[in-house]
PDB file of N, CA and C in Angstrom:
ATOM      1  N   UNK A   1       1.069  19.422  -7.014  1.00  0.00           N
ATOM      2  CA  UNK A   1       1.803  20.538  -7.781  1.00  0.00           C
ATOM      3  C   UNK A   1       1.121  21.747  -8.239  1.00  0.00           C
ATOM      4  N   UNK A   2       0.270  21.964  -8.248  1.00  0.00           N
ATOM      5  CA  UNK A   2       0.060  23.617  -8.545  1.00  0.00           C
ATOM      6  C   UNK A   2      -0.815  23.911  -7.246  1.00  0.00           C
ATOM      7  N   UNK A   3      -0.696  23.348  -6.618  1.00  0.00           N
ATOM      8  CA  UNK A   3      -1.496  23.927  -4.898  1.00  0.00           C
ATOM      9  C   UNK A   3      -2.597  23.381  -4.530  1.00  0.00           C
ATOM     10  N   UNK A   4      -3.283  22.412  -5.388  1.00  0.00           N
ATOM     11  CA  UNK A   4      -4.757  22.120  -5.047  1.00  0.00           C
ATOM     12  C   UNK A   4      -4.663  21.077  -4.498  1.00  0.00           C
ATOM     13  N   UNK A   5      -5.521  20.987  -3.774  1.00  0.00           N
ATOM     14  CA  UNK A   5      -5.808  19.528  -2.646  1.00  0.00           C
ATOM     15  C   UNK A   5      -6.570  18.860  -3.116  1.00  0.00           C
ATOM     16  N   UNK A   6      -6.516  17.523  -2.521  1.00  0.00           N
ATOM     17  CA  UNK A   6      -7.223  16.418  -2.881  1.00  0.00           C
ATOM     18  C   UNK A   6      -8.694  16.919  -2.920  1.00  0.00           C
ATOM     19  N   UNK A   7      -8.948  17.362  -2.186  1.00  0.00           N
ATOM     20  CA  UNK A   7     -10.498  17.512  -2.344  1.00  0.00           C
ATOM     21  C   UNK A   7     -11.372  18.433  -3.543  1.00  0.00           C
ATOM     22  N   UNK A   8      -9.622  19.618  -3.739  1.00  0.00           N
ATOM     23  CA  UNK A   8     -10.088  20.531  -5.072  1.00  0.00           C
ATOM     24  C   UNK A   8     -10.118  19.725  -6.185  1.00  0.00           C
ATOM     25  N   UNK A   9      -9.668  18.895  -6.062  1.00  0.00           N
ATOM     26  CA  UNK A   9      -8.890  18.363  -7.954  1.00  0.00           C
ATOM     27  C   UNK A   9     -10.567  17.345  -7.659  1.00  0.00           C
ATOM     28  N   UNK A  10     -11.125  16.838  -6.633  1.00  0.00           N
ATOM     29  CA  UNK A  10     -12.143  15.783  -6.662  1.00  0.00           C
ATOM     30  C   UNK A  10     -13.370  16.906  -7.631  1.00  0.00           C
ATOM     31  N   UNK A  11     -13.339  17.856  -6.380  1.00  0.00           N
ATOM     32  CA  UNK A  11     -14.561  18.456  -7.237  1.00  0.00           C
ATOM     33  C   UNK A  11     -14.754  19.096  -8.448  1.00  0.00           C
ATOM     34  N   UNK A  12     -13.464  19.006  -8.883  1.00  0.00           N
ATOM     35  CA  UNK A  12     -13.488  19.907 -10.174  1.00  0.00           C
ATOM     36  C   UNK A  12     -13.237  18.481 -11.402  1.00  0.00           C
ATOM     37  N   UNK A  13     -13.293  17.274 -10.962  1.00  0.00           N
ATOM     38  CA  UNK A  13     -13.010  16.546 -12.059  1.00  0.00           C
ATOM     39  C   UNK A  13     -13.714  15.052 -11.574  1.00  0.00           C
ATOM     40  N   UNK A  14     -14.490  14.871 -10.170  1.00  0.00           N
ATOM     41  CA  UNK A  14     -15.375  13.912  -9.808  1.00  0.00           C
ATOM     42  C   UNK A  14     -14.170  12.819  -9.488  1.00  0.00           C
ATOM     43  N   UNK A  15     -12.743  12.995  -9.687  1.00  0.00           N
ATOM     44  CA  UNK A  15     -11.824  11.304  -9.640  1.00  0.00           C
ATOM     45  C   UNK A  15     -12.307  11.517  -8.185  1.00  0.00           C
ATOM     46  N   UNK A  16     -12.156   9.741  -7.410  1.00  0.00           N
ATOM     47  CA  UNK A  16     -12.666   9.335  -6.498  1.00  0.00           C
ATOM     48  C   UNK A  16     -11.460   9.923  -5.388  1.00  0.00           C
ATOM     49  N   UNK A  17     -11.760  10.088  -4.165  1.00  0.00           N
ATOM     50  CA  UNK A  17     -10.739  11.017  -3.452  1.00  0.00           C
ATOM     51  C   UNK A  17      -9.513   9.635  -2.787  1.00  0.00           C
ATOM     52  N   UNK A  18     -10.206   8.488  -2.420  1.00  0.00           N
ATOM     53  CA  UNK A  18      -9.157   7.489  -2.145  1.00  0.00           C
ATOM     54  C   UNK A  18      -8.036   7.620  -3.434  1.00  0.00           C
ATOM     55  N   UNK A  19      -8.484   7.560  -4.326  1.00  0.00           N
ATOM     56  CA  UNK A  19      -7.419   7.683  -5.812  1.00  0.00           C
ATOM     57  C   UNK A  19      -6.402   8.448  -5.993  1.00  0.00           C
ATOM     58  N   UNK A  20      -7.457   9.769  -5.815  1.00  0.00           N
ATOM     59  CA  UNK A  20      -6.267  10.800  -5.367  1.00  0.00           C
ATOM     60  C   UNK A  20      -5.547  11.197  -4.550  1.00  0.00           C
ATOM     61  N   UNK A  21      -5.644  10.878  -3.403  1.00  0.00           N
ATOM     62  CA  UNK A  21      -4.861  10.952  -2.466  1.00  0.00           C
ATOM     63  C   UNK A  21      -3.925   9.983  -2.606  1.00  0.00           C
ATOM     64  N   UNK A  22      -3.914   8.515  -3.164  1.00  0.00           N
ATOM     65  CA  UNK A  22      -2.796   7.416  -3.060  1.00  0.00           C
ATOM     66  C   UNK A  22      -1.942   8.297  -4.081  1.00  0.00           C
ATOM     67  N   UNK A  23      -2.908   8.857  -5.053  1.00  0.00           N
ATOM     68  CA  UNK A  23      -1.585   9.702  -6.126  1.00  0.00           C
ATOM     69  C   UNK A  23      -1.256  10.334  -5.517  1.00  0.00           C
ATOM     70  N   UNK A  24      -1.788  11.183  -4.391  1.00  0.00           N
ATOM     71  CA  UNK A  24      -0.544  12.407  -3.744  1.00  0.00           C
ATOM     72  C   UNK A  24       0.291  12.062  -3.749  1.00  0.00           C
ATOM     73  N   UNK A  25       0.089  11.116  -2.129  1.00  0.00           N
ATOM     74  CA  UNK A  25       1.053   9.932  -1.543  1.00  0.00           C
ATOM     75  C   UNK A  25       2.537   9.984  -2.228  1.00  0.00           C
ATOM     76  N   UNK A  26       2.109   9.388  -3.481  1.00  0.00           N
ATOM     77  CA  UNK A  26       3.237   9.099  -4.507  1.00  0.00           C
ATOM     78  C   UNK A  26       4.262  10.417  -4.658  1.00  0.00           C
ATOM     79  N   UNK A  27       3.474  11.520  -4.931  1.00  0.00           N
ATOM     80  CA  UNK A  27       4.047  13.194  -5.345  1.00  0.00           C
ATOM     81  C   UNK A  27       4.630  13.385  -4.010  1.00  0.00           C
ATOM     82  N   UNK A  28       4.094  13.163  -2.954  1.00  0.00           N
ATOM     83  CA  UNK A  28       4.709  13.351  -1.326  1.00  0.00           C
ATOM     84  C   UNK A  28       6.454  12.445  -1.598  1.00  0.00           C
ATOM     85  N   UNK A  29       6.399  11.526  -1.849  1.00  0.00           N
ATOM     86  CA  UNK A  29       7.281  10.809  -1.695  1.00  0.00           C
ATOM     87  C   UNK A  29       8.506  10.979  -3.030  1.00  0.00           C
ATOM     88  N   UNK A  30       8.111  11.139  -4.118  1.00  0.00           N
ATOM     89  CA  UNK A  30       8.853  11.455  -5.147  1.00  0.00           C
ATOM     90  C   UNK A  30       9.259  12.836  -4.728  1.00  0.00           C
ATOM     91  N   UNK A  31       8.859  13.464  -4.249  1.00  0.00           N
ATOM     92  CA  UNK A  31       9.162  15.361  -4.064  1.00  0.00           C
ATOM     93  C   UNK A  31      10.077  14.883  -2.421  1.00  0.00           C
ATOM     94  N   UNK A  32       9.978  13.888  -1.889  1.00  0.00           N
ATOM     95  CA  UNK A  32      10.943  13.924  -0.487  1.00  0.00           C
ATOM     96  C   UNK A  32      12.350  12.940  -1.117  1.00  0.00           C
ATOM     97  N   UNK A  33      12.182  12.288  -2.287  1.00  0.00           N
ATOM     98  CA  UNK A  33      13.016  11.666  -2.398  1.00  0.00           C
ATOM     99  C   UNK A  33      13.769  12.799  -3.610  1.00  0.00           C
ATOM    100  N   UNK A  34      13.751  13.527  -4.242  1.00  0.00           N
ATOM    101  CA  UNK A  34      14.286  14.095  -4.724  1.00  0.00           C
ATOM    102  C   UNK A  34      15.065  15.528  -4.562  1.00  0.00           C
ATOM    103  N   UNK A  35      15.164  15.830  -2.933  1.00  0.00           N
ATOM    104  CA  UNK A  35      15.891  16.337  -1.837  1.00  0.00           C
ATOM    105  C   UNK A  35      17.079  15.873  -1.682  1.00  0.00           C
ATOM    106  N   UNK A  36      17.006  14.290  -1.482  1.00  0.00           N
ATOM    107  CA  UNK A  36      18.789  13.470  -0.957  1.00  0.00           C
ATOM    108  C   UNK A  36      19.159  13.311  -1.879  1.00  0.00           C
ATOM    109  N   UNK A  37      20.329  12.831  -1.607  1.00  0.00           N
ATOM    110  CA  UNK A  37      21.540  12.054  -2.190  1.00  0.00           C
ATOM    111  C   UNK A  37      21.479  10.591  -2.009  1.00  0.00           C
ATOM    112  N   UNK A  38      22.241  10.150  -2.599  1.00  0.00           N
ATOM    113  CA  UNK A  38      22.225   8.429  -2.435  1.00  0.00           C
ATOM    114  C   UNK A  38      22.493   8.319  -0.577  1.00  0.00           C
ATOM    115  N   UNK A  39      23.762   8.730  -0.364  1.00  0.00           N
ATOM    116  CA  UNK A  39      24.107   8.279   1.168  1.00  0.00           C
ATOM    117  C   UNK A  39      22.846   8.962   1.702  1.00  0.00           C
ATOM    118  N   UNK A  40      22.737  10.379   1.651  1.00  0.00           N
ATOM    119  CA  UNK A  40      21.235  10.621   2.750  1.00  0.00           C
ATOM    120  C   UNK A  40      20.217   9.684   2.909  1.00  0.00           C
ATOM    121  N   UNK A  41      19.979   8.895   1.702  1.00  0.00           N
ATOM    122  CA  UNK A  41      18.615   8.048   1.653  1.00  0.00           C
ATOM    123  C   UNK A  41      18.845   6.758   2.535  1.00  0.00           C
ATOM    124  N   UNK A  42      20.462   6.020   1.976  1.00  0.00           N
ATOM    125  CA  UNK A  42      20.999   4.955   2.530  1.00  0.00           C
ATOM    126  C   UNK A  42      20.844   5.506   4.240  1.00  0.00           C
ATOM    127  N   UNK A  43      20.960   6.388   4.876  1.00  0.00           N
ATOM    128  CA  UNK A  43      21.276   6.546   6.003  1.00  0.00           C
ATOM    129  C   UNK A  43      19.208   7.046   6.426  1.00  0.00           C
ATOM    130  N   UNK A  44      18.463   7.163   5.460  1.00  0.00           N
ATOM    131  CA  UNK A  44      16.933   7.444   6.091  1.00  0.00           C
ATOM    132  C   UNK A  44      16.477   5.950   5.729  1.00  0.00           C
ATOM    133  N   UNK A  45      16.264   5.101   6.385  1.00  0.00           N
ATOM    134  CA  UNK A  45      15.657   3.740   6.075  1.00  0.00           C
ATOM    135  C   UNK A  45      13.808   3.707   5.433  1.00  0.00           C
ATOM    136  N   UNK A  46      13.485   4.604   7.074  1.00  0.00           N
ATOM    137  CA  UNK A  46      12.160   4.826   6.656  1.00  0.00           C
ATOM    138  C   UNK A  46      11.634   5.698   5.480  1.00  0.00           C
ATOM    139  N   UNK A  47      12.360   6.609   4.714  1.00  0.00           N
ATOM    140  CA  UNK A  47      11.954   6.942   3.154  1.00  0.00           C
ATOM    141  C   UNK A  47      12.043   5.824   2.600  1.00  0.00           C
ATOM    142  N   UNK A  48      13.465   5.504   2.436  1.00  0.00           N
ATOM    143  CA  UNK A  48      13.488   4.319   1.365  1.00  0.00           C
ATOM    144  C   UNK A  48      12.545   3.196   1.150  1.00  0.00           C
ATOM    145  N   UNK A  49      11.948   2.603   2.712  1.00  0.00           N
ATOM    146  CA  UNK A  49      11.322   1.832   2.854  1.00  0.00           C
ATOM    147  C   UNK A  49       9.901   1.997   2.330  1.00  0.00           C
ATOM    148  N   UNK A  50       9.496   3.473   2.545  1.00  0.00           N
ATOM    149  CA  UNK A  50       8.085   4.110   1.982  1.00  0.00           C
ATOM    150  C   UNK A  50       7.948   4.024   0.836  1.00  0.00           C
ATOM    151  N   UNK A  51       9.483   3.874  -0.146  1.00  0.00           N
ATOM    152  CA  UNK A  51       9.342   4.519  -1.418  1.00  0.00           C
ATOM    153  C   UNK A  51       8.993   3.312  -2.207  1.00  0.00           C
ATOM    154  N   UNK A  52       9.555   2.184  -1.396  1.00  0.00           N
ATOM    155  CA  UNK A  52       9.462   1.250  -1.944  1.00  0.00           C
ATOM    156  C   UNK A  52       8.260   0.461  -1.683  1.00  0.00           C
ATOM    157  N   UNK A  53       7.531   0.995  -0.644  1.00  0.00           N
ATOM    158  CA  UNK A  53       5.946   0.044  -0.564  1.00  0.00           C
ATOM    159  C   UNK A  53       5.020   0.794  -1.116  1.00  0.00           C
ATOM    160  N   UNK A  54       5.416   2.130  -1.961  1.00  0.00           N
ATOM    161  CA  UNK A  54       4.480   3.049  -2.571  1.00  0.00           C
ATOM    162  C   UNK A  54       4.615   2.632  -4.119  1.00  0.00           C
ATOM    163  N   UNK A  55       5.822   1.519  -4.048  1.00  0.00           N
ATOM    164  CA  UNK A  55       5.847   1.034  -5.273  1.00  0.00           C
ATOM    165  C   UNK A  55       7.250   1.809  -6.424  1.00  0.00           C
ATOM    166  N   UNK A  56       7.908   2.306  -5.909  1.00  0.00           N
ATOM    167  CA  UNK A  56       8.726   3.003  -6.911  1.00  0.00           C
ATOM    168  C   UNK A  56       9.894   1.628  -6.787  1.00  0.00           C
ATOM    169  N   UNK A  57      10.604   1.425  -8.295  1.00  0.00           N
ATOM    170  CA  UNK A  57      11.313   0.442  -8.266  1.00  0.00           C
ATOM    171  C   UNK A  57      12.758   1.213  -7.809  1.00  0.00           C
ATOM    172  N   UNK A  58      13.650   0.205  -7.903  1.00  0.00           N
ATOM    173  CA  UNK A  58      15.043   0.861  -7.450  1.00  0.00           C
ATOM    174  C   UNK A  58      15.433   1.806  -8.952  1.00  0.00           C
ATOM    175  N   UNK A  59      15.252   1.598  -9.952  1.00  0.00           N
ATOM    176  CA  UNK A  59      15.867   2.715 -11.123  1.00  0.00           C
ATOM    177  C   UNK A  59      15.207   4.078 -10.814  1.00  0.00           C
ATOM    178  N   UNK A  60      13.933   3.944 -10.325  1.00  0.00           N
ATOM    179  CA  UNK A  60      12.988   5.170 -10.554  1.00  0.00           C
ATOM    180  C   UNK A  60      13.320   5.936  -9.209  1.00  0.00           C
ATOM    181  N   UNK A  61      13.854   5.456  -7.651  1.00  0.00           N
ATOM    182  CA  UNK A  61      14.093   5.856  -6.957  1.00  0.00           C
ATOM    183  C   UNK A  61      15.640   6.697  -7.185  1.00  0.00           C
ATOM    184  N   UNK A  62      16.898   5.933  -7.874  1.00  0.00           N
ATOM    185  CA  UNK A  62      17.855   6.690  -7.862  1.00  0.00           C
ATOM    186  C   UNK A  62      17.796   8.029  -9.272  1.00  0.00           C
ATOM    187  N   UNK A  63      17.126   7.457 -10.128  1.00  0.00           N
ATOM    188  CA  UNK A  63      16.834   8.892 -10.906  1.00  0.00           C
ATOM    189  C   UNK A  63      16.081  10.156  -9.919  1.00  0.00           C
ATOM    190  N   UNK A  64      15.326   9.859  -9.064  1.00  0.00           N
ATOM    191  CA  UNK A  64      15.016  10.939  -8.799  1.00  0.00           C
ATOM    192  C   UNK A  64      16.019  11.749  -7.775  1.00  0.00           C
ATOM    193  N   UNK A  65      16.914  10.843  -7.625  1.00  0.00           N
ATOM    194  CA  UNK A  65      18.088  11.388  -6.236  1.00  0.00           C
ATOM    195  C   UNK A  65      18.700  12.657  -6.897  1.00  0.00           C
ATOM    196  N   UNK A  66      18.692  13.237  -5.749  1.00  0.00           N
ATOM    197  CA  UNK A  66      19.538  14.406  -6.396  1.00  0.00           C
ATOM    198  C   UNK A  66      21.081  14.599  -7.638  1.00  0.00           C
ATOM    199  N   UNK A  67      20.508  14.097  -8.832  1.00  0.00           N
ATOM    200  CA  UNK A  67      21.649  13.900  -9.697  1.00  0.00           C
ATOM    201  C   UNK A  67      23.261  14.735  -9.581  1.00  0.00           C
ATOM    202  N   UNK A  68      23.246  15.442  -9.276  1.00  0.00           N
ATOM    203  CA  UNK A  68      24.373  16.614  -9.325  1.00  0.00           C
ATOM    204  C   UNK A  68      25.514  15.527  -8.374  1.00  0.00           C
ATOM    205  N   UNK A  69      24.744  14.987  -6.705  1.00  0.00           N
ATOM    206  CA  UNK A  69      25.634  14.399  -6.062  1.00  0.00           C
ATOM    207  C   UNK A  69      25.930  13.162  -5.977  1.00  0.00           C
ATOM    208  N   UNK A  70      25.571  12.299  -7.583  1.00  0.00           N
ATOM    209  CA  UNK A  70      25.989  11.269  -8.086  1.00  0.00           C
ATOM    210  C   UNK A  70      27.091  10.869  -8.800  1.00  0.00           C
ATOM    211  N   UNK A  71      28.376  10.424  -8.341  1.00  0.00           N
ATOM    212  CA  UNK A  71      29.115  10.461  -9.727  1.00  0.00           C
ATOM    213  C   UNK A  71      28.990   9.211 -10.519  1.00  0.00           C
ATOM    214  N   UNK A  72      29.099   9.723 -11.743  1.00  0.00           N
ATOM    215  CA  UNK A  72      28.491   8.496 -12.890  1.00  0.00           C
ATOM    216  C   UNK A  72      29.697   7.659 -12.846  1.00  0.00           C
ATOM    217  N   UNK A  73      29.162   6.338 -13.392  1.00  0.00           N
ATOM    218  CA  UNK A  73      30.080   5.168 -13.485  1.00  0.00           C
ATOM    219  C   UNK A  73      30.857   4.584 -14.734  1.00  0.00           C
ATOM    220  N   UNK A  74      31.657   4.620 -14.689  1.00  0.00           N
ATOM    221  CA  UNK A  74      32.099   4.043 -16.158  1.00  0.00           C
ATOM    222  C   UNK A  74      31.301   3.432 -16.795  1.00  0.00           C
ATOM    223  N   UNK A  75      31.461   2.632 -17.937  1.00  0.00           N
ATOM    224  CA  UNK A  75      30.563   1.903 -18.394  1.00  0.00           C
ATOM    225  C   UNK A  75      30.859   0.531 -18.322  1.00  0.00           C
ATOM    226  N   UNK A  76      32.020   0.266 -18.181  1.00  0.00           N
ATOM    227  CA  UNK A  76      32.248  -1.334 -17.818  1.00  0.00           C
ATOM    228  C   UNK A  76      32.569  -1.557 -16.177  1.00  0.00           C
ATOM    229  N   UNK A  77      31.897  -0.414 -15.822  1.00  0.00           N
ATOM    230  CA  UNK A  77      32.043  -0.931 -14.289  1.00  0.00           C
ATOM    231  C   UNK A  77      31.169  -1.727 -13.620  1.00  0.00           C
ATOM    232  N   UNK A  78      31.758  -3.338 -12.778  1.00  0.00           N
ATOM    233  CA  UNK A  78      30.465  -4.132 -12.256  1.00  0.00           C
ATOM    234  C   UNK A  78      30.892  -5.335 -13.476  1.00  0.00           C
ATOM    235  N   UNK A  79      31.292  -5.066 -14.525  1.00  0.00           N
ATOM    236  CA  UNK A  79      30.977  -5.789 -15.525  1.00  0.00           C
ATOM    237  C   UNK A  79      32.323  -7.114 -15.438  1.00  0.00           C
ATOM    238  N   UNK A  80      32.301  -8.369 -14.560  1.00  0.00           N
ATOM    239  CA  UNK A  80      33.450  -9.261 -15.560  1.00  0.00           C
ATOM    240  C   UNK A  80      34.199  -8.966 -16.468  1.00  0.00           C
ATOM    241  N   UNK A  81      35.338  -9.623 -16.350  1.00  0.00           N
ATOM    242  CA  UNK A  81      36.108  -9.922 -17.295  1.00  0.00           C
ATOM    243  C   UNK A  81      36.548 -11.119 -17.635  1.00  0.00           C
ATOM    244  N   UNK A  82      36.352 -11.737 -19.397  1.00  0.00           N
ATOM    245  CA  UNK A  82      36.993 -13.254 -19.120  1.00  0.00           C
ATOM    246  C   UNK A  82      38.004 -13.740 -19.379  1.00  0.00           C
TER     247      UNK A  82
END
């Protein structure tokens, strides 16, 4: 986020490079999600699959998508009436 490499952070903190590289990958996937809308993501199967493989839950993925492009649902949408 601050433009530091995994190696720079490792040298400053002595945190394991493997762990730092995993965190960096999560950051990269997150940043990629933030550039997309839901229709774009549904066409980009590779990114969706990688986000899920990386550990993102559906709600986390939805939250990261460009929110301005997503129409809000009404509170009762999808609820069945009896």
